[in-house]
Amino acid sequence: MPDFAQLALYIAAALLLAVTPGPGIFYVAARTLAGGRGEGIASSFGTGLGGMVHVLAGSLGVSAIVLASAELFTALKLVGAAYLVWLGFRTLQAARRDAANTLSDGMVEPPIGPRKAFREGGVVEALNPKTAAFFLAFIPQFVDPTGSVALQFVVLGFISVLLNTLADVVVAIAASSIRDGASARPGLVKRLREASGGAMIALGVGLALAKRPGA
């Protein structure tokens, strides 16, 4: 394992990257604005699970194979992009469908629920090859080549995923406060949900246009 100084440096760098706004944070914020705190926190843990998929794949060398193949990289990113765009369109449709079906307290029913939000968060992250590229570029810089490289990769990857997940949970709580503040104004909630759907579509388009590292 890295020595204490190297590990401290890694944690500091991983924390800085975790709180830097990126696709994961924007996705969690969009999901929270669309469905509330429960869905946002559930999607945070879902993206964490998807991140661990990349960590485990990277430790086994699978991610390196995918990134080395233009065809596999393109296929994975297009599937992930299509999934994000589909989620965005579905969120837009749900916002418009539910606008006229408010509850007595002025809130609308969550469109999918935490359990499904967790699954979707996992799929979104697992289908993002840019996450695999990030782990393969970032983690090896802190690995001690004299030790078990695969084990170190998993441990360091888990630390990064944990920090990312904690940052996403904070974002979900903050975004839910914004949504709750708008609860007495159904029209504003509808616009927030529509904006969330648009954000997911934009993330999907961005992923579809992503280039393979080194290409």
N, C-alpha and C. Protein backbone atom coordinates (compact mmCIF):
# COMPACT_ATOMS: atom_id res chain seq x y z
N MET A 1 0.84 -1.20 0.00
CA MET A 1 0.00 0.00 0.00
C MET A 1 0.88 1.25 0.00
N PRO A 2 0.34 2.39 -0.50
CA PRO A 2 1.11 3.63 -0.44
C PRO A 2 1.42 4.01 1.00
N ASP A 3 2.52 4.76 1.21
CA ASP A 3 2.83 5.21 2.56
C ASP A 3 1.82 6.28 2.98
N PHE A 4 1.92 6.70 4.25
CA PHE A 4 0.93 7.61 4.80
C PHE A 4 0.86 8.93 4.00
N ALA A 5 2.03 9.45 3.64
CA ALA A 5 2.05 10.72 2.90
C ALA A 5 1.37 10.59 1.55
N GLN A 6 1.65 9.49 0.84
CA GLN A 6 1.04 9.26 -0.45
C GLN A 6 -0.48 9.06 -0.31
N LEU A 7 -0.88 8.31 0.73
CA LEU A 7 -2.30 8.06 0.95
C LEU A 7 -3.03 9.37 1.28
N ALA A 8 -2.40 10.21 2.11
CA ALA A 8 -3.01 11.49 2.45
C ALA A 8 -3.16 12.37 1.21
N LEU A 9 -2.13 12.34 0.35
CA LEU A 9 -2.19 13.12 -0.88
C LEU A 9 -3.30 12.60 -1.78
N TYR A 10 -3.43 11.27 -1.85
CA TYR A 10 -4.48 10.68 -2.69
C TYR A 10 -5.87 11.09 -2.19
N ILE A 11 -6.09 11.01 -0.87
CA ILE A 11 -7.39 11.35 -0.31
C ILE A 11 -7.71 12.82 -0.57
N ALA A 12 -6.71 13.69 -0.42
CA ALA A 12 -6.92 15.12 -0.67
C ALA A 12 -7.30 15.36 -2.13
N ALA A 13 -6.58 14.70 -3.04
CA ALA A 13 -6.87 14.86 -4.46
C ALA A 13 -8.24 14.29 -4.81
N ALA A 14 -8.56 13.11 -4.26
CA ALA A 14 -9.85 12.49 -4.53
C ALA A 14 -11.00 13.33 -3.97
N LEU A 15 -10.79 13.94 -2.81
CA LEU A 15 -11.81 14.81 -2.22
C LEU A 15 -12.05 16.04 -3.09
N LEU A 16 -10.96 16.63 -3.57
CA LEU A 16 -11.08 17.80 -4.43
C LEU A 16 -11.85 17.45 -5.70
N LEU A 17 -11.54 16.29 -6.28
CA LEU A 17 -12.24 15.86 -7.49
C LEU A 17 -13.70 15.53 -7.20
N ALA A 18 -13.98 15.00 -6.00
CA ALA A 18 -15.35 14.62 -5.64
C ALA A 18 -16.26 15.83 -5.55
N VAL A 19 -15.73 16.96 -5.05
CA VAL A 19 -16.58 18.14 -4.87
C VAL A 19 -16.56 19.05 -6.10
N THR A 20 -15.76 18.69 -7.11
CA THR A 20 -15.76 19.47 -8.34
C THR A 20 -16.98 19.10 -9.18
N PRO A 21 -17.82 20.07 -9.55
CA PRO A 21 -19.02 19.76 -10.32
C PRO A 21 -18.69 19.01 -11.61
N GLY A 22 -19.39 17.91 -11.81
CA GLY A 22 -19.20 17.09 -13.00
C GLY A 22 -20.49 16.38 -13.35
N PRO A 23 -20.46 15.50 -14.35
CA PRO A 23 -21.68 14.81 -14.77
C PRO A 23 -22.40 14.08 -13.64
N GLY A 24 -21.65 13.43 -12.75
CA GLY A 24 -22.29 12.69 -11.66
C GLY A 24 -23.08 13.59 -10.74
N ILE A 25 -22.49 14.71 -10.35
CA ILE A 25 -23.17 15.66 -9.47
C ILE A 25 -24.40 16.25 -10.16
N PHE A 26 -24.25 16.60 -11.44
CA PHE A 26 -25.38 17.17 -12.16
C PHE A 26 -26.51 16.14 -12.32
N TYR A 27 -26.14 14.88 -12.53
CA TYR A 27 -27.17 13.85 -12.66
C TYR A 27 -27.95 13.70 -11.36
N VAL A 28 -27.24 13.63 -10.23
CA VAL A 28 -27.90 13.48 -8.93
C VAL A 28 -28.78 14.68 -8.64
N ALA A 29 -28.28 15.89 -8.94
CA ALA A 29 -29.10 17.09 -8.72
C ALA A 29 -30.36 17.05 -9.58
N ALA A 30 -30.21 16.63 -10.82
CA ALA A 30 -31.37 16.55 -11.71
C ALA A 30 -32.38 15.53 -11.21
N ARG A 31 -31.90 14.37 -10.77
CA ARG A 31 -32.80 13.34 -10.26
C ARG A 31 -33.52 13.81 -9.00
N THR A 32 -32.80 14.57 -8.14
CA THR A 32 -33.42 15.07 -6.92
C THR A 32 -34.49 16.10 -7.23
N LEU A 33 -34.20 17.02 -8.12
CA LEU A 33 -35.18 18.03 -8.48
C LEU A 33 -36.40 17.41 -9.15
N ALA A 34 -36.18 16.30 -9.82
CA ALA A 34 -37.29 15.63 -10.49
C ALA A 34 -38.16 14.84 -9.53
N GLY A 35 -37.54 14.15 -8.55
CA GLY A 35 -38.31 13.24 -7.71
C GLY A 35 -38.19 13.41 -6.22
N GLY A 36 -37.36 14.36 -5.76
CA GLY A 36 -37.26 14.60 -4.33
C GLY A 36 -36.03 13.98 -3.69
N ARG A 37 -35.89 14.22 -2.37
CA ARG A 37 -34.69 13.81 -1.64
C ARG A 37 -34.46 12.31 -1.69
N GLY A 38 -35.52 11.53 -1.50
CA GLY A 38 -35.37 10.07 -1.49
C GLY A 38 -34.76 9.55 -2.77
N GLU A 39 -35.26 10.06 -3.90
CA GLU A 39 -34.72 9.62 -5.19
C GLU A 39 -33.28 10.10 -5.37
N GLY A 40 -33.00 11.33 -4.92
CA GLY A 40 -31.66 11.87 -5.08
C GLY A 40 -30.62 11.08 -4.31
N ILE A 41 -30.93 10.78 -3.05
CA ILE A 41 -29.98 10.02 -2.23
C ILE A 41 -29.84 8.60 -2.76
N ALA A 42 -30.96 8.00 -3.18
CA ALA A 42 -30.90 6.65 -3.75
C ALA A 42 -30.05 6.63 -5.01
N SER A 43 -30.19 7.64 -5.86
CA SER A 43 -29.38 7.69 -7.08
C SER A 43 -27.91 7.90 -6.76
N SER A 44 -27.63 8.61 -5.64
CA SER A 44 -26.24 8.80 -5.22
C SER A 44 -25.59 7.46 -4.90
N PHE A 45 -26.30 6.63 -4.15
CA PHE A 45 -25.77 5.30 -3.83
C PHE A 45 -25.72 4.42 -5.08
N GLY A 46 -26.67 4.64 -5.99
CA GLY A 46 -26.64 3.88 -7.24
C GLY A 46 -25.42 4.20 -8.09
N THR A 47 -25.11 5.49 -8.20
CA THR A 47 -23.91 5.86 -8.97
C THR A 47 -22.65 5.37 -8.27
N GLY A 48 -22.70 5.31 -6.93
CA GLY A 48 -21.57 4.74 -6.20
C GLY A 48 -21.36 3.28 -6.55
N LEU A 49 -22.45 2.53 -6.64
CA LEU A 49 -22.36 1.12 -7.03
C LEU A 49 -21.82 1.00 -8.45
N GLY A 50 -22.31 1.86 -9.35
CA GLY A 50 -21.80 1.84 -10.72
C GLY A 50 -20.32 2.17 -10.77
N GLY A 51 -19.88 3.10 -9.90
CA GLY A 51 -18.46 3.42 -9.85
C GLY A 51 -17.62 2.24 -9.40
N MET A 52 -18.14 1.46 -8.44
CA MET A 52 -17.40 0.29 -7.97
C MET A 52 -17.29 -0.77 -9.06
N VAL A 53 -18.27 -0.81 -9.96
CA VAL A 53 -18.17 -1.72 -11.11
C VAL A 53 -16.92 -1.39 -11.91
N HIS A 54 -16.69 -0.10 -12.15
CA HIS A 54 -15.51 0.31 -12.90
C HIS A 54 -14.22 0.04 -12.12
N VAL A 55 -14.28 0.23 -10.81
CA VAL A 55 -13.10 -0.04 -9.98
C VAL A 55 -12.72 -1.51 -10.07
N LEU A 56 -13.70 -2.39 -9.90
CA LEU A 56 -13.43 -3.83 -9.97
C LEU A 56 -12.98 -4.23 -11.37
N ALA A 57 -13.62 -3.65 -12.39
CA ALA A 57 -13.22 -3.97 -13.76
C ALA A 57 -11.81 -3.49 -14.02
N GLY A 58 -11.48 -2.31 -13.51
CA GLY A 58 -10.13 -1.78 -13.69
C GLY A 58 -9.09 -2.65 -13.02
N SER A 59 -9.41 -3.15 -11.83
CA SER A 59 -8.45 -4.00 -11.11
C SER A 59 -8.20 -5.30 -11.84
N LEU A 60 -9.17 -5.73 -12.64
CA LEU A 60 -9.03 -6.98 -13.39
C LEU A 60 -8.54 -6.75 -14.82
N GLY A 61 -8.39 -5.48 -15.18
CA GLY A 61 -7.90 -5.17 -16.51
C GLY A 61 -8.97 -5.06 -17.57
N VAL A 62 -10.24 -5.23 -17.21
CA VAL A 62 -11.32 -5.19 -18.19
C VAL A 62 -11.46 -3.79 -18.77
N SER A 63 -11.40 -2.77 -17.91
CA SER A 63 -11.56 -1.40 -18.38
C SER A 63 -10.48 -1.03 -19.39
N ALA A 64 -9.26 -1.49 -19.15
CA ALA A 64 -8.17 -1.18 -20.07
C ALA A 64 -8.44 -1.77 -21.45
N ILE A 65 -9.03 -2.97 -21.46
CA ILE A 65 -9.36 -3.61 -22.74
C ILE A 65 -10.42 -2.81 -23.48
N VAL A 66 -11.46 -2.37 -22.74
CA VAL A 66 -12.53 -1.59 -23.36
C VAL A 66 -12.00 -0.28 -23.91
N LEU A 67 -11.15 0.41 -23.12
CA LEU A 67 -10.63 1.69 -23.54
C LEU A 67 -9.65 1.56 -24.71
N ALA A 68 -9.02 0.40 -24.82
CA ALA A 68 -8.08 0.18 -25.92
C ALA A 68 -8.79 -0.13 -27.23
N SER A 69 -10.07 -0.49 -27.15
CA SER A 69 -10.85 -0.84 -28.34
C SER A 69 -11.79 0.30 -28.67
N ALA A 70 -11.57 0.91 -29.83
CA ALA A 70 -12.43 2.01 -30.25
C ALA A 70 -13.88 1.56 -30.39
N GLU A 71 -14.06 0.33 -30.90
CA GLU A 71 -15.41 -0.17 -31.12
C GLU A 71 -16.15 -0.39 -29.80
N LEU A 72 -15.47 -1.02 -28.82
CA LEU A 72 -16.11 -1.28 -27.53
C LEU A 72 -16.39 0.02 -26.78
N PHE A 73 -15.43 0.94 -26.84
CA PHE A 73 -15.62 2.23 -26.17
C PHE A 73 -16.82 2.96 -26.76
N THR A 74 -16.90 2.99 -28.08
CA THR A 74 -18.00 3.68 -28.74
C THR A 74 -19.34 3.02 -28.42
N ALA A 75 -19.36 1.70 -28.43
CA ALA A 75 -20.61 0.99 -28.13
C ALA A 75 -21.08 1.29 -26.71
N LEU A 76 -20.15 1.25 -25.77
CA LEU A 76 -20.51 1.48 -24.36
C LEU A 76 -21.00 2.91 -24.16
N LYS A 77 -20.31 3.87 -24.74
CA LYS A 77 -20.71 5.27 -24.51
C LYS A 77 -22.05 5.56 -25.18
N LEU A 78 -22.32 4.96 -26.35
CA LEU A 78 -23.59 5.21 -27.02
C LEU A 78 -24.76 4.59 -26.27
N VAL A 79 -24.54 3.41 -25.71
CA VAL A 79 -25.60 2.80 -24.89
C VAL A 79 -25.87 3.66 -23.66
N GLY A 80 -24.80 4.11 -23.00
CA GLY A 80 -24.96 4.97 -21.83
C GLY A 80 -25.62 6.29 -22.18
N ALA A 81 -25.24 6.87 -23.31
CA ALA A 81 -25.83 8.14 -23.74
C ALA A 81 -27.31 7.98 -24.05
N ALA A 82 -27.65 6.90 -24.76
CA ALA A 82 -29.05 6.64 -25.10
C ALA A 82 -29.89 6.45 -23.84
N TYR A 83 -29.32 5.78 -22.85
CA TYR A 83 -30.04 5.55 -21.59
C TYR A 83 -30.30 6.87 -20.88
N LEU A 84 -29.31 7.74 -20.83
CA LEU A 84 -29.49 9.05 -20.20
C LEU A 84 -30.53 9.89 -20.92
N VAL A 85 -30.48 9.89 -22.25
CA VAL A 85 -31.46 10.65 -23.03
C VAL A 85 -32.86 10.11 -22.80
N TRP A 86 -32.99 8.78 -22.75
CA TRP A 86 -34.30 8.16 -22.50
C TRP A 86 -34.83 8.56 -21.12
N LEU A 87 -33.95 8.55 -20.10
CA LEU A 87 -34.36 8.98 -18.76
C LEU A 87 -34.80 10.43 -18.78
N GLY A 88 -34.10 11.26 -19.53
CA GLY A 88 -34.45 12.67 -19.60
C GLY A 88 -35.82 12.89 -20.23
N PHE A 89 -36.07 12.22 -21.35
CA PHE A 89 -37.38 12.35 -22.00
C PHE A 89 -38.49 11.83 -21.09
N ARG A 90 -38.22 10.74 -20.39
CA ARG A 90 -39.23 10.20 -19.48
C ARG A 90 -39.54 11.16 -18.34
N THR A 91 -38.49 11.83 -17.84
CA THR A 91 -38.68 12.82 -16.78
C THR A 91 -39.52 13.99 -17.28
N LEU A 92 -39.25 14.44 -18.50
CA LEU A 92 -40.04 15.53 -19.08
C LEU A 92 -41.51 15.13 -19.20
N GLN A 93 -41.76 13.92 -19.69
CA GLN A 93 -43.12 13.45 -19.85
C GLN A 93 -43.84 13.33 -18.51
N ALA A 94 -43.12 12.82 -17.49
CA ALA A 94 -43.73 12.66 -16.17
C ALA A 94 -44.07 14.02 -15.57
N ALA A 95 -43.20 15.00 -15.76
CA ALA A 95 -43.45 16.34 -15.21
C ALA A 95 -44.72 16.92 -15.80
N ARG A 96 -44.91 16.77 -17.09
CA ARG A 96 -46.10 17.32 -17.73
C ARG A 96 -47.35 16.52 -17.39
N ARG A 97 -47.18 15.20 -17.25
CA ARG A 97 -48.33 14.35 -16.93
C ARG A 97 -48.83 14.60 -15.51
N ASP A 98 -47.89 14.81 -14.58
CA ASP A 98 -48.26 14.95 -13.18
C ASP A 98 -48.64 16.38 -12.79
N ALA A 99 -48.41 17.33 -13.70
CA ALA A 99 -48.65 18.73 -13.34
C ALA A 99 -50.10 18.96 -12.92
N ALA A 100 -51.03 18.22 -13.53
CA ALA A 100 -52.44 18.41 -13.21
C ALA A 100 -52.92 17.49 -12.09
N ASN A 101 -52.03 16.64 -11.57
CA ASN A 101 -52.42 15.66 -10.55
C ASN A 101 -51.69 15.91 -9.25
N THR A 102 -51.79 17.11 -8.71
CA THR A 102 -51.12 17.44 -7.46
C THR A 102 -51.88 16.84 -6.28
N LEU A 103 -51.12 16.58 -5.21
CA LEU A 103 -51.73 16.08 -3.99
C LEU A 103 -52.34 17.25 -3.22
N SER A 104 -53.05 16.96 -2.15
CA SER A 104 -53.72 17.99 -1.38
C SER A 104 -52.74 18.98 -0.77
N ASP A 105 -51.49 18.55 -0.50
CA ASP A 105 -50.50 19.46 0.10
C ASP A 105 -49.69 20.20 -0.96
N GLY A 106 -50.07 20.03 -2.22
CA GLY A 106 -49.41 20.76 -3.29
C GLY A 106 -48.25 20.05 -3.91
N MET A 107 -47.86 18.88 -3.39
CA MET A 107 -46.74 18.14 -3.95
C MET A 107 -47.23 17.20 -5.03
N VAL A 108 -46.32 16.77 -5.86
CA VAL A 108 -46.64 15.76 -6.87
C VAL A 108 -45.99 14.46 -6.46
N GLU A 109 -46.56 13.37 -6.89
CA GLU A 109 -46.01 12.07 -6.56
C GLU A 109 -44.65 11.89 -7.24
N PRO A 110 -43.65 11.34 -6.55
CA PRO A 110 -42.37 11.06 -7.20
C PRO A 110 -42.59 10.18 -8.42
N PRO A 111 -41.89 10.48 -9.52
CA PRO A 111 -42.16 9.75 -10.76
C PRO A 111 -41.70 8.30 -10.75
N ILE A 112 -40.65 7.97 -10.00
CA ILE A 112 -40.16 6.59 -10.08
C ILE A 112 -39.94 5.93 -8.73
N GLY A 113 -39.59 6.67 -7.69
CA GLY A 113 -39.34 6.09 -6.38
C GLY A 113 -37.87 5.78 -6.16
N PRO A 114 -37.44 5.71 -4.89
CA PRO A 114 -36.01 5.52 -4.57
C PRO A 114 -35.42 4.22 -5.11
N ARG A 115 -36.17 3.12 -5.05
CA ARG A 115 -35.61 1.85 -5.49
C ARG A 115 -35.20 1.89 -6.96
N LYS A 116 -36.09 2.42 -7.78
CA LYS A 116 -35.78 2.50 -9.21
C LYS A 116 -34.70 3.54 -9.47
N ALA A 117 -34.71 4.63 -8.68
CA ALA A 117 -33.68 5.65 -8.83
C ALA A 117 -32.30 5.06 -8.54
N PHE A 118 -32.24 4.17 -7.54
CA PHE A 118 -30.98 3.50 -7.21
C PHE A 118 -30.49 2.66 -8.39
N ARG A 119 -31.40 1.88 -8.97
CA ARG A 119 -31.02 1.03 -10.12
C ARG A 119 -30.57 1.88 -11.29
N GLU A 120 -31.31 2.94 -11.58
CA GLU A 120 -30.97 3.77 -12.73
C GLU A 120 -29.64 4.47 -12.52
N GLY A 121 -29.37 4.93 -11.29
CA GLY A 121 -28.08 5.56 -11.00
C GLY A 121 -26.93 4.60 -11.24
N GLY A 122 -27.12 3.34 -10.83
CA GLY A 122 -26.09 2.33 -11.05
C GLY A 122 -25.84 2.07 -12.51
N VAL A 123 -26.92 1.97 -13.28
CA VAL A 123 -26.78 1.72 -14.73
C VAL A 123 -26.11 2.89 -15.42
N VAL A 124 -26.54 4.11 -15.09
CA VAL A 124 -25.97 5.31 -15.71
C VAL A 124 -24.45 5.35 -15.51
N GLU A 125 -24.01 5.10 -14.28
CA GLU A 125 -22.57 5.18 -13.99
C GLU A 125 -21.81 4.00 -14.59
N ALA A 126 -22.39 2.82 -14.52
CA ALA A 126 -21.71 1.63 -15.05
C ALA A 126 -21.53 1.71 -16.57
N LEU A 127 -22.42 2.44 -17.25
CA LEU A 127 -22.34 2.55 -18.70
C LEU A 127 -21.54 3.78 -19.16
N ASN A 128 -20.86 4.42 -18.23
CA ASN A 128 -20.08 5.61 -18.57
C ASN A 128 -18.60 5.25 -18.68
N PRO A 129 -18.06 5.10 -19.89
CA PRO A 129 -16.66 4.71 -20.04
C PRO A 129 -15.69 5.79 -19.57
N LYS A 130 -16.17 7.04 -19.46
CA LYS A 130 -15.30 8.11 -18.97
C LYS A 130 -14.92 7.87 -17.51
N THR A 131 -15.81 7.21 -16.76
CA THR A 131 -15.47 6.87 -15.38
C THR A 131 -14.34 5.86 -15.35
N ALA A 132 -14.41 4.87 -16.24
CA ALA A 132 -13.34 3.88 -16.32
C ALA A 132 -12.02 4.55 -16.68
N ALA A 133 -12.08 5.49 -17.64
CA ALA A 133 -10.86 6.20 -18.05
C ALA A 133 -10.28 7.00 -16.89
N PHE A 134 -11.15 7.62 -16.09
CA PHE A 134 -10.69 8.40 -14.96
C PHE A 134 -9.94 7.52 -13.95
N PHE A 135 -10.53 6.40 -13.59
CA PHE A 135 -9.89 5.54 -12.59
C PHE A 135 -8.57 4.99 -13.11
N LEU A 136 -8.53 4.62 -14.38
CA LEU A 136 -7.29 4.06 -14.94
C LEU A 136 -6.19 5.11 -15.04
N ALA A 137 -6.57 6.39 -15.17
CA ALA A 137 -5.56 7.45 -15.27
C ALA A 137 -5.14 7.97 -13.90
N PHE A 138 -6.07 7.96 -12.95
CA PHE A 138 -5.83 8.60 -11.66
C PHE A 138 -5.21 7.66 -10.63
N ILE A 139 -5.80 6.50 -10.43
CA ILE A 139 -5.39 5.62 -9.34
C ILE A 139 -3.96 5.09 -9.48
N PRO A 140 -3.53 4.64 -10.67
CA PRO A 140 -2.18 4.05 -10.76
C PRO A 140 -1.07 4.97 -10.31
N GLN A 141 -1.29 6.29 -10.30
CA GLN A 141 -0.25 7.21 -9.86
C GLN A 141 0.08 7.03 -8.38
N PHE A 142 -0.83 6.41 -7.63
CA PHE A 142 -0.65 6.28 -6.18
C PHE A 142 -0.45 4.82 -5.75
N VAL A 143 -0.32 3.94 -6.71
CA VAL A 143 -0.15 2.52 -6.41
C VAL A 143 1.32 2.19 -6.19
N ASP A 144 1.60 1.42 -5.15
CA ASP A 144 2.96 0.96 -4.87
C ASP A 144 3.21 -0.31 -5.68
N PRO A 145 4.09 -0.26 -6.69
CA PRO A 145 4.29 -1.42 -7.56
C PRO A 145 4.89 -2.63 -6.86
N THR A 146 5.42 -2.44 -5.65
CA THR A 146 6.00 -3.58 -4.93
C THR A 146 4.94 -4.39 -4.18
N GLY A 147 3.73 -3.86 -4.07
CA GLY A 147 2.65 -4.56 -3.38
C GLY A 147 1.66 -5.15 -4.36
N SER A 148 0.51 -5.59 -3.84
CA SER A 148 -0.55 -6.14 -4.68
C SER A 148 -1.24 -4.99 -5.42
N VAL A 149 -0.97 -4.89 -6.70
CA VAL A 149 -1.51 -3.77 -7.49
C VAL A 149 -3.03 -3.83 -7.55
N ALA A 150 -3.58 -5.02 -7.79
CA ALA A 150 -5.04 -5.15 -7.90
C ALA A 150 -5.73 -4.76 -6.60
N LEU A 151 -5.20 -5.22 -5.47
CA LEU A 151 -5.80 -4.90 -4.17
C LEU A 151 -5.73 -3.41 -3.90
N GLN A 152 -4.57 -2.80 -4.18
CA GLN A 152 -4.44 -1.36 -3.97
C GLN A 152 -5.41 -0.59 -4.85
N PHE A 153 -5.59 -1.03 -6.09
CA PHE A 153 -6.51 -0.38 -7.01
C PHE A 153 -7.92 -0.39 -6.44
N VAL A 154 -8.33 -1.55 -5.90
CA VAL A 154 -9.68 -1.67 -5.34
C VAL A 154 -9.85 -0.77 -4.12
N VAL A 155 -8.87 -0.78 -3.22
CA VAL A 155 -8.96 0.03 -2.00
C VAL A 155 -8.99 1.51 -2.32
N LEU A 156 -8.07 1.95 -3.17
CA LEU A 156 -8.03 3.37 -3.53
C LEU A 156 -9.28 3.75 -4.32
N GLY A 157 -9.74 2.86 -5.17
CA GLY A 157 -10.96 3.12 -5.91
C GLY A 157 -12.16 3.25 -4.99
N PHE A 158 -12.22 2.39 -3.99
CA PHE A 158 -13.33 2.45 -3.03
C PHE A 158 -13.33 3.79 -2.29
N ILE A 159 -12.15 4.26 -1.91
CA ILE A 159 -12.05 5.55 -1.22
C ILE A 159 -12.59 6.67 -2.11
N SER A 160 -12.21 6.65 -3.39
CA SER A 160 -12.67 7.67 -4.32
C SER A 160 -14.18 7.60 -4.51
N VAL A 161 -14.70 6.39 -4.68
CA VAL A 161 -16.15 6.22 -4.85
C VAL A 161 -16.91 6.68 -3.60
N LEU A 162 -16.37 6.35 -2.43
CA LEU A 162 -17.01 6.77 -1.18
C LEU A 162 -17.08 8.28 -1.08
N LEU A 163 -15.99 8.96 -1.39
CA LEU A 163 -15.98 10.42 -1.34
C LEU A 163 -16.94 11.01 -2.36
N ASN A 164 -16.97 10.42 -3.56
CA ASN A 164 -17.90 10.89 -4.59
C ASN A 164 -19.35 10.73 -4.13
N THR A 165 -19.64 9.59 -3.50
CA THR A 165 -21.00 9.32 -3.05
C THR A 165 -21.42 10.29 -1.95
N LEU A 166 -20.51 10.55 -1.01
CA LEU A 166 -20.81 11.51 0.06
C LEU A 166 -21.08 12.90 -0.52
N ALA A 167 -20.29 13.30 -1.51
CA ALA A 167 -20.51 14.60 -2.15
C ALA A 167 -21.86 14.62 -2.85
N ASP A 168 -22.20 13.51 -3.50
CA ASP A 168 -23.50 13.43 -4.20
C ASP A 168 -24.66 13.51 -3.21
N VAL A 169 -24.52 12.88 -2.05
CA VAL A 169 -25.58 12.93 -1.04
C VAL A 169 -25.78 14.36 -0.56
N VAL A 170 -24.69 15.09 -0.35
CA VAL A 170 -24.80 16.49 0.06
C VAL A 170 -25.53 17.30 -1.01
N VAL A 171 -25.19 17.04 -2.28
CA VAL A 171 -25.86 17.73 -3.39
C VAL A 171 -27.35 17.38 -3.41
N ALA A 172 -27.67 16.11 -3.17
CA ALA A 172 -29.08 15.69 -3.16
C ALA A 172 -29.86 16.40 -2.06
N ILE A 173 -29.26 16.53 -0.89
CA ILE A 173 -29.93 17.21 0.22
C ILE A 173 -30.14 18.69 -0.12
N ALA A 174 -29.11 19.32 -0.70
CA ALA A 174 -29.23 20.73 -1.06
C ALA A 174 -30.29 20.94 -2.14
N ALA A 175 -30.28 20.06 -3.14
CA ALA A 175 -31.25 20.18 -4.23
C ALA A 175 -32.67 19.93 -3.74
N SER A 176 -32.82 19.02 -2.77
CA SER A 176 -34.15 18.73 -2.25
C SER A 176 -34.70 19.92 -1.48
N SER A 177 -33.82 20.68 -0.84
CA SER A 177 -34.26 21.89 -0.13
C SER A 177 -34.82 22.91 -1.12
N ILE A 178 -34.18 23.00 -2.28
CA ILE A 178 -34.68 23.89 -3.33
C ILE A 178 -36.06 23.42 -3.80
N ARG A 179 -36.18 22.12 -3.99
CA ARG A 179 -37.46 21.56 -4.45
C ARG A 179 -38.54 21.74 -3.40
N ASP A 180 -38.20 21.49 -2.12
CA ASP A 180 -39.18 21.64 -1.05
C ASP A 180 -39.64 23.08 -0.92
N GLY A 181 -38.71 24.01 -1.14
CA GLY A 181 -39.08 25.42 -1.06
C GLY A 181 -40.07 25.83 -2.13
N ALA A 182 -40.09 25.05 -3.21
CA ALA A 182 -41.01 25.35 -4.32
C ALA A 182 -42.29 24.52 -4.25
N SER A 183 -42.45 23.71 -3.19
CA SER A 183 -43.56 22.76 -3.12
C SER A 183 -44.93 23.43 -3.14
N ALA A 184 -45.00 24.66 -2.63
CA ALA A 184 -46.29 25.35 -2.62
C ALA A 184 -46.61 25.96 -3.98
N ARG A 185 -45.70 25.81 -4.90
CA ARG A 185 -45.91 26.37 -6.25
C ARG A 185 -45.75 25.24 -7.27
N PRO A 186 -46.81 24.50 -7.53
CA PRO A 186 -46.74 23.34 -8.44
C PRO A 186 -46.15 23.68 -9.80
N GLY A 187 -46.43 24.90 -10.27
CA GLY A 187 -45.89 25.28 -11.58
C GLY A 187 -44.38 25.33 -11.57
N LEU A 188 -43.81 25.81 -10.45
CA LEU A 188 -42.35 25.87 -10.33
C LEU A 188 -41.75 24.47 -10.23
N VAL A 189 -42.43 23.57 -9.47
CA VAL A 189 -41.97 22.19 -9.38
C VAL A 189 -41.95 21.56 -10.77
N LYS A 190 -42.98 21.82 -11.54
CA LYS A 190 -43.05 21.29 -12.91
C LYS A 190 -41.87 21.79 -13.74
N ARG A 191 -41.56 23.08 -13.62
CA ARG A 191 -40.44 23.62 -14.39
C ARG A 191 -39.11 23.05 -13.93
N LEU A 192 -38.96 22.83 -12.60
CA LEU A 192 -37.75 22.22 -12.09
C LEU A 192 -37.57 20.81 -12.65
N ARG A 193 -38.67 20.05 -12.67
CA ARG A 193 -38.60 18.68 -13.19
C ARG A 193 -38.30 18.68 -14.68
N GLU A 194 -38.89 19.64 -15.42
CA GLU A 194 -38.60 19.72 -16.85
C GLU A 194 -37.13 20.10 -17.07
N ALA A 195 -36.61 21.02 -16.25
CA ALA A 195 -35.20 21.38 -16.37
C ALA A 195 -34.30 20.19 -16.05
N SER A 196 -34.74 19.35 -15.10
CA SER A 196 -33.98 18.16 -14.75
C SER A 196 -33.93 17.20 -15.93
N GLY A 197 -35.07 17.01 -16.57
CA GLY A 197 -35.11 16.15 -17.74
C GLY A 197 -34.20 16.67 -18.84
N GLY A 198 -34.22 17.99 -19.05
CA GLY A 198 -33.35 18.59 -20.05
C GLY A 198 -31.88 18.40 -19.71
N ALA A 199 -31.56 18.49 -18.41
CA ALA A 199 -30.17 18.29 -17.99
C ALA A 199 -29.71 16.87 -18.27
N MET A 200 -30.57 15.88 -18.02
CA MET A 200 -30.21 14.49 -18.30
C MET A 200 -29.97 14.27 -19.79
N ILE A 201 -30.82 14.89 -20.61
CA ILE A 201 -30.65 14.77 -22.06
C ILE A 201 -29.32 15.40 -22.48
N ALA A 202 -29.00 16.57 -21.90
CA ALA A 202 -27.74 17.24 -22.23
C ALA A 202 -26.54 16.38 -21.80
N LEU A 203 -26.63 15.74 -20.64
CA LEU A 203 -25.56 14.85 -20.20
C LEU A 203 -25.39 13.68 -21.17
N GLY A 204 -26.51 13.15 -21.63
CA GLY A 204 -26.45 12.05 -22.59
C GLY A 204 -25.78 12.46 -23.89
N VAL A 205 -26.14 13.65 -24.39
CA VAL A 205 -25.52 14.15 -25.62
C VAL A 205 -24.03 14.36 -25.42
N GLY A 206 -23.67 14.91 -24.24
CA GLY A 206 -22.25 15.12 -23.95
C GLY A 206 -21.48 13.82 -23.92
N LEU A 207 -22.09 12.78 -23.34
CA LEU A 207 -21.43 11.47 -23.30
C LEU A 207 -21.28 10.91 -24.71
N ALA A 208 -22.30 11.06 -25.53
CA ALA A 208 -22.24 10.54 -26.91
C ALA A 208 -21.13 11.20 -27.71
N LEU A 209 -20.81 12.45 -27.39
CA LEU A 209 -19.77 13.17 -28.12
C LEU A 209 -18.38 12.98 -27.53
N ALA A 210 -18.29 12.27 -26.38
CA ALA A 210 -17.00 12.08 -25.72
C ALA A 210 -16.05 11.27 -26.60
N LYS A 211 -14.78 11.64 -26.58
CA LYS A 211 -13.78 10.94 -27.36
C LYS A 211 -13.03 9.94 -26.50
N ARG A 212 -12.57 8.87 -27.11
CA ARG A 212 -11.80 7.88 -26.39
C ARG A 212 -10.46 8.46 -25.98
N PRO A 213 -10.04 8.27 -24.71
CA PRO A 213 -8.75 8.79 -24.25
C PRO A 213 -7.62 8.34 -25.17
N GLY A 214 -6.81 9.29 -25.59
CA GLY A 214 -5.68 8.96 -26.44
C GLY A 214 -6.02 8.88 -27.92
N ALA A 215 -7.33 9.05 -28.23
CA ALA A 215 -7.73 8.96 -29.64
C ALA A 215 -7.36 10.24 -30.38
